[in-house]
Amino acid sequence: MNSSAYFYHRSLHERIGPYVVGEVFAMDIHFIFKAVQQANVVYVNKTFGNYRYLEGTRTFEDVKNGMNPVRVRKITEDYRKQLPAHLRARLSLSEIWDRMRRVVG
């Protein structure tokens, strides 16, 4: 979740609240999950910023020691539990469909 890859109006924070600053490795993930539930998200296929992934940074070390995918999975599961049942079911079916398509080829 590269923070230079998304732009939003300040009013979005008024609707969803500030970043979860106590979670330094995952504040962007929390923000994105809350934002997509409240905003009209539009994908734009253009480069507006760059992200440098450098050895010695917190993010690099977090990924290197294997904690990043564990953290992302946990946060994803927590947000999914908050979804209404029909949306949870839709996501599950979509994931099953994607897995089947990858197997078939």
PDB file of N, CA and C in Angstrom:
ATOM      1  N   MET A   1       0.853  -1.165   0.000  1.00  0.00           N
ATOM      2  CA  MET A   1       0.000   0.000   0.000  1.00  0.00           C
ATOM      3  C   MET A   1       0.901   1.231   0.000  1.00  0.00           C
ATOM      4  N   ASN A   2       1.308   1.592  -1.149  1.00  0.00           N
ATOM      5  CA  ASN A   2       2.222   2.708  -1.336  1.00  0.00           C
ATOM      6  C   ASN A   2       1.473   4.027  -1.203  1.00  0.00           C
ATOM      7  N   SER A   3       1.802   4.783  -0.179  1.00  0.00           N
ATOM      8  CA  SER A   3       1.056   6.032   0.065  1.00  0.00           C
ATOM      9  C   SER A   3       1.257   7.078  -1.023  1.00  0.00           C
ATOM     10  N   SER A   4       2.261   6.934  -1.880  1.00  0.00           N
ATOM     11  CA  SER A   4       2.398   7.873  -2.996  1.00  0.00           C
ATOM     12  C   SER A   4       1.546   7.437  -4.190  1.00  0.00           C
ATOM     13  N   ALA A   5       0.788   6.352  -4.023  1.00  0.00           N
ATOM     14  CA  ALA A   5      -0.019   5.829  -5.124  1.00  0.00           C
ATOM     15  C   ALA A   5      -1.486   6.204  -5.019  1.00  0.00           C
ATOM     16  N   TYR A   6      -1.870   6.926  -3.987  1.00  0.00           N
ATOM     17  CA  TYR A   6      -3.269   7.327  -3.888  1.00  0.00           C
ATOM     18  C   TYR A   6      -3.388   8.759  -3.391  1.00  0.00           C
ATOM     19  N   PHE A   7      -4.421   9.413  -3.893  1.00  0.00           N
ATOM     20  CA  PHE A   7      -4.697  10.798  -3.552  1.00  0.00           C
ATOM     21  C   PHE A   7      -6.148  10.900  -3.127  1.00  0.00           C
ATOM     22  N   TYR A   8      -6.410  11.775  -2.190  1.00  0.00           N
ATOM     23  CA  TYR A   8      -7.769  11.908  -1.685  1.00  0.00           C
ATOM     24  C   TYR A   8      -7.946  13.301  -1.091  1.00  0.00           C
ATOM     25  N   HIS A   9      -9.187  13.693  -0.980  1.00  0.00           N
ATOM     26  CA  HIS A   9      -9.525  14.993  -0.400  1.00  0.00           C
ATOM     27  C   HIS A   9      -9.498  14.909   1.123  1.00  0.00           C
ATOM     28  N   ARG A  10      -9.145  15.980   1.751  1.00  0.00           N
ATOM     29  CA  ARG A  10      -9.075  16.057   3.213  1.00  0.00           C
ATOM     30  C   ARG A  10     -10.384  15.631   3.883  1.00  0.00           C
ATOM     31  N   SER A  11     -11.490  15.853   3.226  1.00  0.00           N
ATOM     32  CA  SER A  11     -12.792  15.502   3.811  1.00  0.00           C
ATOM     33  C   SER A  11     -12.924  13.997   4.063  1.00  0.00           C
ATOM     34  N   LEU A  12     -12.130  13.180   3.379  1.00  0.00           N
ATOM     35  CA  LEU A  12     -12.177  11.743   3.627  1.00  0.00           C
ATOM     36  C   LEU A  12     -11.778  11.442   5.071  1.00  0.00           C
ATOM     37  N   HIS A  13     -10.784  12.154   5.578  1.00  0.00           N
ATOM     38  CA  HIS A  13     -10.376  11.964   6.979  1.00  0.00           C
ATOM     39  C   HIS A  13     -11.486  12.386   7.939  1.00  0.00           C
ATOM     40  N   GLU A  14     -12.275  13.364   7.540  1.00  0.00           N
ATOM     41  CA  GLU A  14     -13.393  13.781   8.388  1.00  0.00           C
ATOM     42  C   GLU A  14     -14.433  12.658   8.496  1.00  0.00           C
ATOM     43  N   ARG A  15     -14.563  11.853   7.442  1.00  0.00           N
ATOM     44  CA  ARG A  15     -15.520  10.738   7.450  1.00  0.00           C
ATOM     45  C   ARG A  15     -14.984   9.495   8.147  1.00  0.00           C
ATOM     46  N   ILE A  16     -13.713   9.171   7.920  1.00  0.00           N
ATOM     47  CA  ILE A  16     -13.200   7.896   8.431  1.00  0.00           C
ATOM     48  C   ILE A  16     -12.244   8.042   9.601  1.00  0.00           C
ATOM     49  N   GLY A  17     -11.834   9.258   9.903  1.00  0.00           N
ATOM     50  CA  GLY A  17     -10.910   9.470  11.005  1.00  0.00           C
ATOM     51  C   GLY A  17      -9.459   9.480  10.533  1.00  0.00           C
ATOM     52  N   PRO A  18      -8.556   9.721  11.448  1.00  0.00           N
ATOM     53  CA  PRO A  18      -7.138   9.807  11.093  1.00  0.00           C
ATOM     54  C   PRO A  18      -6.503   8.426  10.915  1.00  0.00           C
ATOM     55  N   TYR A  19      -5.264   8.424  10.511  1.00  0.00           N
ATOM     56  CA  TYR A  19      -4.490   7.187  10.431  1.00  0.00           C
ATOM     57  C   TYR A  19      -4.396   6.556  11.816  1.00  0.00           C
ATOM     58  N   VAL A  20      -4.251   5.238  11.869  1.00  0.00           N
ATOM     59  CA  VAL A  20      -4.010   4.526  13.121  1.00  0.00           C
ATOM     60  C   VAL A  20      -2.502   4.614  13.366  1.00  0.00           C
ATOM     61  N   VAL A  21      -2.065   5.686  14.025  1.00  0.00           N
ATOM     62  CA  VAL A  21      -0.628   5.964  14.131  1.00  0.00           C
ATOM     63  C   VAL A  21       0.108   5.012  15.065  1.00  0.00           C
ATOM     64  N   GLY A  22      -0.592   4.331  15.945  1.00  0.00           N
ATOM     65  CA  GLY A  22       0.059   3.374  16.817  1.00  0.00           C
ATOM     66  C   GLY A  22       0.541   2.137  16.082  1.00  0.00           C
ATOM     67  N   GLU A  23       0.072   1.941  14.874  1.00  0.00           N
ATOM     68  CA  GLU A  23       0.443   0.777  14.061  1.00  0.00           C
ATOM     69  C   GLU A  23       1.334   1.265  12.932  1.00  0.00           C
ATOM     70  N   VAL A  24       2.605   1.518  13.238  1.00  0.00           N
ATOM     71  CA  VAL A  24       3.501   2.167  12.277  1.00  0.00           C
ATOM     72  C   VAL A  24       3.700   1.376  10.992  1.00  0.00           C
ATOM     73  N   PHE A  25       3.622   0.054  11.053  1.00  0.00           N
ATOM     74  CA  PHE A  25       3.832  -0.745   9.851  1.00  0.00           C
ATOM     75  C   PHE A  25       2.564  -0.934   9.031  1.00  0.00           C
ATOM     76  N   ALA A  26       1.404  -0.600   9.603  1.00  0.00           N
ATOM     77  CA  ALA A  26       0.166  -0.924   8.914  1.00  0.00           C
ATOM     78  C   ALA A  26      -0.825   0.233   8.860  1.00  0.00           C
ATOM     79  N   MET A  27      -0.403   1.442   9.184  1.00  0.00           N
ATOM     80  CA  MET A  27      -1.368   2.545   9.190  1.00  0.00           C
ATOM     81  C   MET A  27      -1.963   2.778   7.803  1.00  0.00           C
ATOM     82  N   ASP A  28      -1.194   2.570   6.751  1.00  0.00           N
ATOM     83  CA  ASP A  28      -1.719   2.737   5.396  1.00  0.00           C
ATOM     84  C   ASP A  28      -2.775   1.682   5.078  1.00  0.00           C
ATOM     85  N   ILE A  29      -2.559   0.463   5.528  1.00  0.00           N
ATOM     86  CA  ILE A  29      -3.509  -0.613   5.256  1.00  0.00           C
ATOM     87  C   ILE A  29      -4.844  -0.326   5.937  1.00  0.00           C
ATOM     88  N   HIS A  30      -4.782   0.081   7.204  1.00  0.00           N
ATOM     89  CA  HIS A  30      -6.012   0.444   7.910  1.00  0.00           C
ATOM     90  C   HIS A  30      -6.740   1.570   7.168  1.00  0.00           C
ATOM     91  N   PHE A  31      -5.989   2.575   6.756  1.00  0.00           N
ATOM     92  CA  PHE A  31      -6.579   3.718   6.061  1.00  0.00           C
ATOM     93  C   PHE A  31      -7.273   3.278   4.770  1.00  0.00           C
ATOM     94  N   ILE A  32      -6.587   2.462   3.969  1.00  0.00           N
ATOM     95  CA  ILE A  32      -7.153   2.011   2.689  1.00  0.00           C
ATOM     96  C   ILE A  32      -8.435   1.221   2.905  1.00  0.00           C
ATOM     97  N   PHE A  33      -8.436   0.300   3.863  1.00  0.00           N
ATOM     98  CA  PHE A  33      -9.651  -0.484   4.118  1.00  0.00           C
ATOM     99  C   PHE A  33     -10.820   0.406   4.524  1.00  0.00           C
ATOM    100  N   LYS A  34     -10.557   1.395   5.361  1.00  0.00           N
ATOM    101  CA  LYS A  34     -11.644   2.294   5.762  1.00  0.00           C
ATOM    102  C   LYS A  34     -12.057   3.192   4.597  1.00  0.00           C
ATOM    103  N   ALA A  35     -11.093   3.655   3.819  1.00  0.00           N
ATOM    104  CA  ALA A  35     -11.386   4.580   2.714  1.00  0.00           C
ATOM    105  C   ALA A  35     -12.237   3.937   1.629  1.00  0.00           C
ATOM    106  N   VAL A  36     -11.914   2.708   1.242  1.00  0.00           N
ATOM    107  CA  VAL A  36     -12.682   2.078   0.159  1.00  0.00           C
ATOM    108  C   VAL A  36     -14.114   1.790   0.570  1.00  0.00           C
ATOM    109  N   GLN A  37     -14.384   1.756   1.866  1.00  0.00           N
ATOM    110  CA  GLN A  37     -15.749   1.563   2.336  1.00  0.00           C
ATOM    111  C   GLN A  37     -16.546   2.862   2.308  1.00  0.00           C
ATOM    112  N   GLN A  38     -15.864   3.993   2.272  1.00  0.00           N
ATOM    113  CA  GLN A  38     -16.539   5.282   2.376  1.00  0.00           C
ATOM    114  C   GLN A  38     -16.430   6.157   1.134  1.00  0.00           C
ATOM    115  N   ALA A  39     -15.509   5.855   0.256  1.00  0.00           N
ATOM    116  CA  ALA A  39     -15.238   6.754  -0.870  1.00  0.00           C
ATOM    117  C   ALA A  39     -15.540   6.077  -2.205  1.00  0.00           C
ATOM    118  N   ASN A  40     -15.723   6.879  -3.206  1.00  0.00           N
ATOM    119  CA  ASN A  40     -15.861   6.396  -4.572  1.00  0.00           C
ATOM    120  C   ASN A  40     -14.448   6.279  -5.142  1.00  0.00           C
ATOM    121  N   VAL A  41     -13.897   5.076  -5.137  1.00  0.00           N
ATOM    122  CA  VAL A  41     -12.517   4.852  -5.550  1.00  0.00           C
ATOM    123  C   VAL A  41     -12.452   4.707  -7.060  1.00  0.00           C
ATOM    124  N   VAL A  42     -11.512   5.407  -7.666  1.00  0.00           N
ATOM    125  CA  VAL A  42     -11.325   5.363  -9.111  1.00  0.00           C
ATOM    126  C   VAL A  42      -9.871   5.015  -9.395  1.00  0.00           C
ATOM    127  N   TYR A  43      -9.653   4.026 -10.233  1.00  0.00           N
ATOM    128  CA  TYR A  43      -8.303   3.638 -10.626  1.00  0.00           C
ATOM    129  C   TYR A  43      -7.855   4.494 -11.802  1.00  0.00           C
ATOM    130  N   VAL A  44      -6.665   5.056 -11.712  1.00  0.00           N
ATOM    131  CA  VAL A  44      -6.070   5.852 -12.782  1.00  0.00           C
ATOM    132  C   VAL A  44      -4.728   5.213 -13.120  1.00  0.00           C
ATOM    133  N   ASN A  45      -4.553   4.788 -14.351  1.00  0.00           N
ATOM    134  CA  ASN A  45      -3.341   4.080 -14.753  1.00  0.00           C
ATOM    135  C   ASN A  45      -2.253   5.066 -15.182  1.00  0.00           C
ATOM    136  N   LYS A  46      -1.749   5.811 -14.215  1.00  0.00           N
ATOM    137  CA  LYS A  46      -0.664   6.768 -14.451  1.00  0.00           C
ATOM    138  C   LYS A  46       0.256   6.747 -13.242  1.00  0.00           C
ATOM    139  N   THR A  47       1.499   7.112 -13.446  1.00  0.00           N
ATOM    140  CA  THR A  47       2.452   7.194 -12.343  1.00  0.00           C
ATOM    141  C   THR A  47       2.482   8.626 -11.821  1.00  0.00           C
ATOM    142  N   PHE A  48       2.184   8.773 -10.528  1.00  0.00           N
ATOM    143  CA  PHE A  48       2.195  10.087  -9.889  1.00  0.00           C
ATOM    144  C   PHE A  48       3.279  10.189  -8.818  1.00  0.00           C
ATOM    145  N   GLY A  49       3.848   9.084  -8.454  1.00  0.00           N
ATOM    146  CA  GLY A  49       4.875   9.098  -7.412  1.00  0.00           C
ATOM    147  C   GLY A  49       5.682   7.819  -7.447  1.00  0.00           C
ATOM    148  N   ASN A  50       6.771   7.825  -6.747  1.00  0.00           N
ATOM    149  CA  ASN A  50       7.637   6.658  -6.668  1.00  0.00           C
ATOM    150  C   ASN A  50       7.797   6.234  -5.215  1.00  0.00           C
ATOM    151  N   TYR A  51       8.157   4.999  -5.045  1.00  0.00           N
ATOM    152  CA  TYR A  51       8.367   4.437  -3.721  1.00  0.00           C
ATOM    153  C   TYR A  51       9.720   3.748  -3.741  1.00  0.00           C
ATOM    154  N   ARG A  52      10.563   4.099  -2.798  1.00  0.00           N
ATOM    155  CA  ARG A  52      11.885   3.473  -2.725  1.00  0.00           C
ATOM    156  C   ARG A  52      11.880   2.438  -1.614  1.00  0.00           C
ATOM    157  N   TYR A  53      12.194   1.219  -1.981  1.00  0.00           N
ATOM    158  CA  TYR A  53      12.220   0.091  -1.061  1.00  0.00           C
ATOM    159  C   TYR A  53      13.686  -0.207  -0.771  1.00  0.00           C
ATOM    160  N   LEU A  54      14.195   0.319   0.330  1.00  0.00           N
ATOM    161  CA  LEU A  54      15.623   0.269   0.609  1.00  0.00           C
ATOM    162  C   LEU A  54      15.960  -0.597   1.809  1.00  0.00           C
ATOM    163  N   GLU A  55      17.031  -1.343   1.677  1.00  0.00           N
ATOM    164  CA  GLU A  55      17.525  -2.145   2.786  1.00  0.00           C
ATOM    165  C   GLU A  55      17.848  -1.220   3.970  1.00  0.00           C
ATOM    166  N   GLY A  56      17.513  -1.684   5.148  1.00  0.00           N
ATOM    167  CA  GLY A  56      17.767  -0.893   6.350  1.00  0.00           C
ATOM    168  C   GLY A  56      16.578  -0.067   6.809  1.00  0.00           C
ATOM    169  N   THR A  57      15.539   0.045   5.970  1.00  0.00           N
ATOM    170  CA  THR A  57      14.347   0.781   6.387  1.00  0.00           C
ATOM    171  C   THR A  57      13.434  -0.145   7.174  1.00  0.00           C
ATOM    172  N   ARG A  58      12.519   0.445   7.920  1.00  0.00           N
ATOM    173  CA  ARG A  58      11.583  -0.365   8.713  1.00  0.00           C
ATOM    174  C   ARG A  58      10.761  -1.304   7.838  1.00  0.00           C
ATOM    175  N   THR A  59      10.279  -0.786   6.716  1.00  0.00           N
ATOM    176  CA  THR A  59       9.459  -1.619   5.835  1.00  0.00           C
ATOM    177  C   THR A  59      10.265  -2.788   5.286  1.00  0.00           C
ATOM    178  N   PHE A  60      11.468  -2.519   4.836  1.00  0.00           N
ATOM    179  CA  PHE A  60      12.320  -3.584   4.284  1.00  0.00           C
ATOM    180  C   PHE A  60      12.556  -4.662   5.332  1.00  0.00           C
ATOM    181  N   GLU A  61      12.927  -4.246   6.534  1.00  0.00           N
ATOM    182  CA  GLU A  61      13.212  -5.209   7.600  1.00  0.00           C
ATOM    183  C   GLU A  61      11.959  -5.989   8.011  1.00  0.00           C
ATOM    184  N   ASP A  62      10.804  -5.326   7.987  1.00  0.00           N
ATOM    185  CA  ASP A  62       9.547  -5.982   8.331  1.00  0.00           C
ATOM    186  C   ASP A  62       9.224  -7.082   7.329  1.00  0.00           C
ATOM    187  N   VAL A  63       9.434  -6.812   6.056  1.00  0.00           N
ATOM    188  CA  VAL A  63       9.200  -7.818   5.012  1.00  0.00           C
ATOM    189  C   VAL A  63      10.249  -8.924   5.115  1.00  0.00           C
ATOM    190  N   LYS A  64      11.490  -8.526   5.314  1.00  0.00           N
ATOM    191  CA  LYS A  64      12.596  -9.499   5.395  1.00  0.00           C
ATOM    192  C   LYS A  64      12.393 -10.504   6.526  1.00  0.00           C
ATOM    193  N   ASN A  65      11.899 -10.038   7.670  1.00  0.00           N
ATOM    194  CA  ASN A  65      11.720 -10.962   8.798  1.00  0.00           C
ATOM    195  C   ASN A  65      10.384 -11.702   8.753  1.00  0.00           C
ATOM    196  N   GLY A  66       9.602 -11.488   7.678  1.00  0.00           N
ATOM    197  CA  GLY A  66       8.381 -12.254   7.468  1.00  0.00           C
ATOM    198  C   GLY A  66       7.143 -11.740   8.180  1.00  0.00           C
ATOM    199  N   MET A  67       7.240 -10.621   8.865  1.00  0.00           N
ATOM    200  CA  MET A  67       6.097 -10.118   9.624  1.00  0.00           C
ATOM    201  C   MET A  67       5.081  -9.374   8.763  1.00  0.00           C
ATOM    202  N   ASN A  68       5.495  -8.795   7.655  1.00  0.00           N
ATOM    203  CA  ASN A  68       4.576  -8.005   6.839  1.00  0.00           C
ATOM    204  C   ASN A  68       3.393  -8.820   6.324  1.00  0.00           C
ATOM    205  N   PRO A  69       3.604  -9.972   5.688  1.00  0.00           N
ATOM    206  CA  PRO A  69       2.438 -10.726   5.208  1.00  0.00           C
ATOM    207  C   PRO A  69       1.544 -11.217   6.344  1.00  0.00           C
ATOM    208  N   VAL A  70       2.131 -11.542   7.470  1.00  0.00           N
ATOM    209  CA  VAL A  70       1.344 -11.980   8.628  1.00  0.00           C
ATOM    210  C   VAL A  70       0.448 -10.840   9.098  1.00  0.00           C
ATOM    211  N   ARG A  71       1.012  -9.654   9.187  1.00  0.00           N
ATOM    212  CA  ARG A  71       0.263  -8.475   9.639  1.00  0.00           C
ATOM    213  C   ARG A  71      -0.855  -8.117   8.654  1.00  0.00           C
ATOM    214  N   VAL A  72      -0.540  -8.129   7.373  1.00  0.00           N
ATOM    215  CA  VAL A  72      -1.538  -7.790   6.347  1.00  0.00           C
ATOM    216  C   VAL A  72      -2.689  -8.797   6.377  1.00  0.00           C
ATOM    217  N   ARG A  73      -2.370 -10.078   6.506  1.00  0.00           N
ATOM    218  CA  ARG A  73      -3.408 -11.111   6.554  1.00  0.00           C
ATOM    219  C   ARG A  73      -4.324 -10.894   7.761  1.00  0.00           C
ATOM    220  N   LYS A  74      -3.741 -10.601   8.918  1.00  0.00           N
ATOM    221  CA  LYS A  74      -4.523 -10.391  10.148  1.00  0.00           C
ATOM    222  C   LYS A  74      -5.442  -9.174  10.001  1.00  0.00           C
ATOM    223  N   ILE A  75      -4.916  -8.077   9.501  1.00  0.00           N
ATOM    224  CA  ILE A  75      -5.723  -6.862   9.334  1.00  0.00           C
ATOM    225  C   ILE A  75      -6.842  -7.116   8.323  1.00  0.00           C
ATOM    226  N   THR A  76      -6.535  -7.819   7.229  1.00  0.00           N
ATOM    227  CA  THR A  76      -7.541  -8.136   6.228  1.00  0.00           C
ATOM    228  C   THR A  76      -8.665  -8.967   6.835  1.00  0.00           C
ATOM    229  N   GLU A  77      -8.298  -9.971   7.611  1.00  0.00           N
ATOM    230  CA  GLU A  77      -9.313 -10.815   8.260  1.00  0.00           C
ATOM    231  C   GLU A  77     -10.169  -9.999   9.228  1.00  0.00           C
ATOM    232  N   ASP A  78      -9.541  -9.097   9.983  1.00  0.00           N
ATOM    233  CA  ASP A  78     -10.299  -8.259  10.925  1.00  0.00           C
ATOM    234  C   ASP A  78     -11.322  -7.382  10.207  1.00  0.00           C
ATOM    235  N   TYR A  79     -10.923  -6.779   9.078  1.00  0.00           N
ATOM    236  CA  TYR A  79     -11.860  -5.932   8.337  1.00  0.00           C
ATOM    237  C   TYR A  79     -12.951  -6.765   7.669  1.00  0.00           C
ATOM    238  N   ARG A  80     -12.611  -7.945   7.198  1.00  0.00           N
ATOM    239  CA  ARG A  80     -13.618  -8.813   6.590  1.00  0.00           C
ATOM    240  C   ARG A  80     -14.713  -9.179   7.579  1.00  0.00           C
ATOM    241  N   LYS A  81     -14.323  -9.415   8.828  1.00  0.00           N
ATOM    242  CA  LYS A  81     -15.303  -9.779   9.857  1.00  0.00           C
ATOM    243  C   LYS A  81     -16.319  -8.669  10.078  1.00  0.00           C
ATOM    244  N   GLN A  82     -15.953  -7.439   9.756  1.00  0.00           N
ATOM    245  CA  GLN A  82     -16.854  -6.295   9.938  1.00  0.00           C
ATOM    246  C   GLN A  82     -17.834  -6.144   8.780  1.00  0.00           C
ATOM    247  N   LEU A  83     -17.590  -6.834   7.678  1.00  0.00           N
ATOM    248  CA  LEU A  83     -18.453  -6.714   6.509  1.00  0.00           C
ATOM    249  C   LEU A  83     -19.775  -7.443   6.737  1.00  0.00           C
ATOM    250  N   PRO A  84     -20.834  -6.983   6.087  1.00  0.00           N
ATOM    251  CA  PRO A  84     -22.098  -7.729   6.138  1.00  0.00           C
ATOM    252  C   PRO A  84     -21.902  -9.117   5.526  1.00  0.00           C
ATOM    253  N   ALA A  85     -22.731 -10.066   5.946  1.00  0.00           N
ATOM    254  CA  ALA A  85     -22.598 -11.462   5.519  1.00  0.00           C
ATOM    255  C   ALA A  85     -22.596 -11.614   4.003  1.00  0.00           C
ATOM    256  N   HIS A  86     -23.454 -10.863   3.299  1.00  0.00           N
ATOM    257  CA  HIS A  86     -23.523 -11.035   1.840  1.00  0.00           C
ATOM    258  C   HIS A  86     -22.217 -10.606   1.166  1.00  0.00           C
ATOM    259  N   LEU A  87     -21.542  -9.595   1.704  1.00  0.00           N
ATOM    260  CA  LEU A  87     -20.268  -9.174   1.117  1.00  0.00           C
ATOM    261  C   LEU A  87     -19.147 -10.163   1.448  1.00  0.00           C
ATOM    262  N   ARG A  88     -19.172 -10.723   2.655  1.00  0.00           N
ATOM    263  CA  ARG A  88     -18.188 -11.756   3.003  1.00  0.00           C
ATOM    264  C   ARG A  88     -18.350 -12.953   2.077  1.00  0.00           C
ATOM    265  N   ALA A  89     -19.585 -13.355   1.828  1.00  0.00           N
ATOM    266  CA  ALA A  89     -19.846 -14.483   0.932  1.00  0.00           C
ATOM    267  C   ALA A  89     -19.380 -14.168  -0.484  1.00  0.00           C
ATOM    268  N   ARG A  90     -19.659 -12.964  -0.932  1.00  0.00           N
ATOM    269  CA  ARG A  90     -19.246 -12.556  -2.286  1.00  0.00           C
ATOM    270  C   ARG A  90     -17.726 -12.604  -2.434  1.00  0.00           C
ATOM    271  N   LEU A  91     -17.006 -12.126  -1.414  1.00  0.00           N
ATOM    272  CA  LEU A  91     -15.547 -12.179  -1.447  1.00  0.00           C
ATOM    273  C   LEU A  91     -15.043 -13.615  -1.474  1.00  0.00           C
ATOM    274  N   SER A  92     -15.630 -14.459  -0.662  1.00  0.00           N
ATOM    275  CA  SER A  92     -15.223 -15.867  -0.624  1.00  0.00           C
ATOM    276  C   SER A  92     -15.435 -16.535  -1.972  1.00  0.00           C
ATOM    277  N   LEU A  93     -16.589 -16.300  -2.575  1.00  0.00           N
ATOM    278  CA  LEU A  93     -16.867 -16.890  -3.890  1.00  0.00           C
ATOM    279  C   LEU A  93     -15.910 -16.351  -4.954  1.00  0.00           C
ATOM    280  N   SER A  94     -15.615 -15.091  -4.874  1.00  0.00           N
ATOM    281  CA  SER A  94     -14.682 -14.487  -5.824  1.00  0.00           C
ATOM    282  C   SER A  94     -13.291 -15.096  -5.693  1.00  0.00           C
ATOM    283  N   GLU A  95     -12.852 -15.327  -4.461  1.00  0.00           N
ATOM    284  CA  GLU A  95     -11.543 -15.943  -4.245  1.00  0.00           C
ATOM    285  C   GLU A  95     -11.516 -17.384  -4.749  1.00  0.00           C
ATOM    286  N   ILE A  96     -12.580 -18.127  -4.518  1.00  0.00           N
ATOM    287  CA  ILE A  96     -12.663 -19.506  -5.005  1.00  0.00           C
ATOM    288  C   ILE A  96     -12.605 -19.512  -6.530  1.00  0.00           C
ATOM    289  N   TRP A  97     -13.343 -18.621  -7.147  1.00  0.00           N
ATOM    290  CA  TRP A  97     -13.359 -18.513  -8.608  1.00  0.00           C
ATOM    291  C   TRP A  97     -11.956 -18.192  -9.140  1.00  0.00           C
ATOM    292  N   ASP A  98     -11.266 -17.248  -8.489  1.00  0.00           N
ATOM    293  CA  ASP A  98      -9.915 -16.893  -8.924  1.00  0.00           C
ATOM    294  C   ASP A  98      -8.950 -18.073  -8.801  1.00  0.00           C
ATOM    295  N   ARG A  99      -9.052 -18.818  -7.707  1.00  0.00           N
ATOM    296  CA  ARG A  99      -8.196 -19.998  -7.525  1.00  0.00           C
ATOM    297  C   ARG A  99      -8.476 -21.038  -8.598  1.00  0.00           C
ATOM    298  N   MET A 100      -9.730 -21.256  -8.913  1.00  0.00           N
ATOM    299  CA  MET A 100     -10.098 -22.232  -9.937  1.00  0.00           C
ATOM    300  C   MET A 100      -9.560 -21.807 -11.303  1.00  0.00           C
ATOM    301  N   ARG A 101      -9.659 -20.539 -11.621  1.00  0.00           N
ATOM    302  CA  ARG A 101      -9.149 -20.059 -12.903  1.00  0.00           C
ATOM    303  C   ARG A 101      -7.629 -20.236 -13.008  1.00  0.00           C
ATOM    304  N   ARG A 102      -6.906 -20.031 -11.899  1.00  0.00           N
ATOM    305  CA  ARG A 102      -5.462 -20.215 -11.925  1.00  0.00           C
ATOM    306  C   ARG A 102      -5.090 -21.688 -12.121  1.00  0.00           C
ATOM    307  N   VAL A 103      -5.854 -22.586 -11.517  1.00  0.00           N
ATOM    308  CA  VAL A 103      -5.578 -24.025 -11.642  1.00  0.00           C
ATOM    309  C   VAL A 103      -5.848 -24.482 -13.067  1.00  0.00           C
ATOM    310  N   VAL A 104      -6.961 -24.041 -13.643  1.00  0.00           N
ATOM    311  CA  VAL A 104      -7.339 -24.454 -14.994  1.00  0.00           C
ATOM    312  C   VAL A 104      -6.395 -23.843 -16.011  1.00  0.00           C
ATOM    313  N   GLY A 105      -5.977 -22.628 -15.732  1.00  0.00           N
ATOM    314  CA  GLY A 105      -4.954 -22.060 -16.518  1.00  0.00           C
ATOM    315  C   GLY A 105      -5.164 -21.032 -17.490  1.00  0.00           C
TER     316      GLY A 105
END
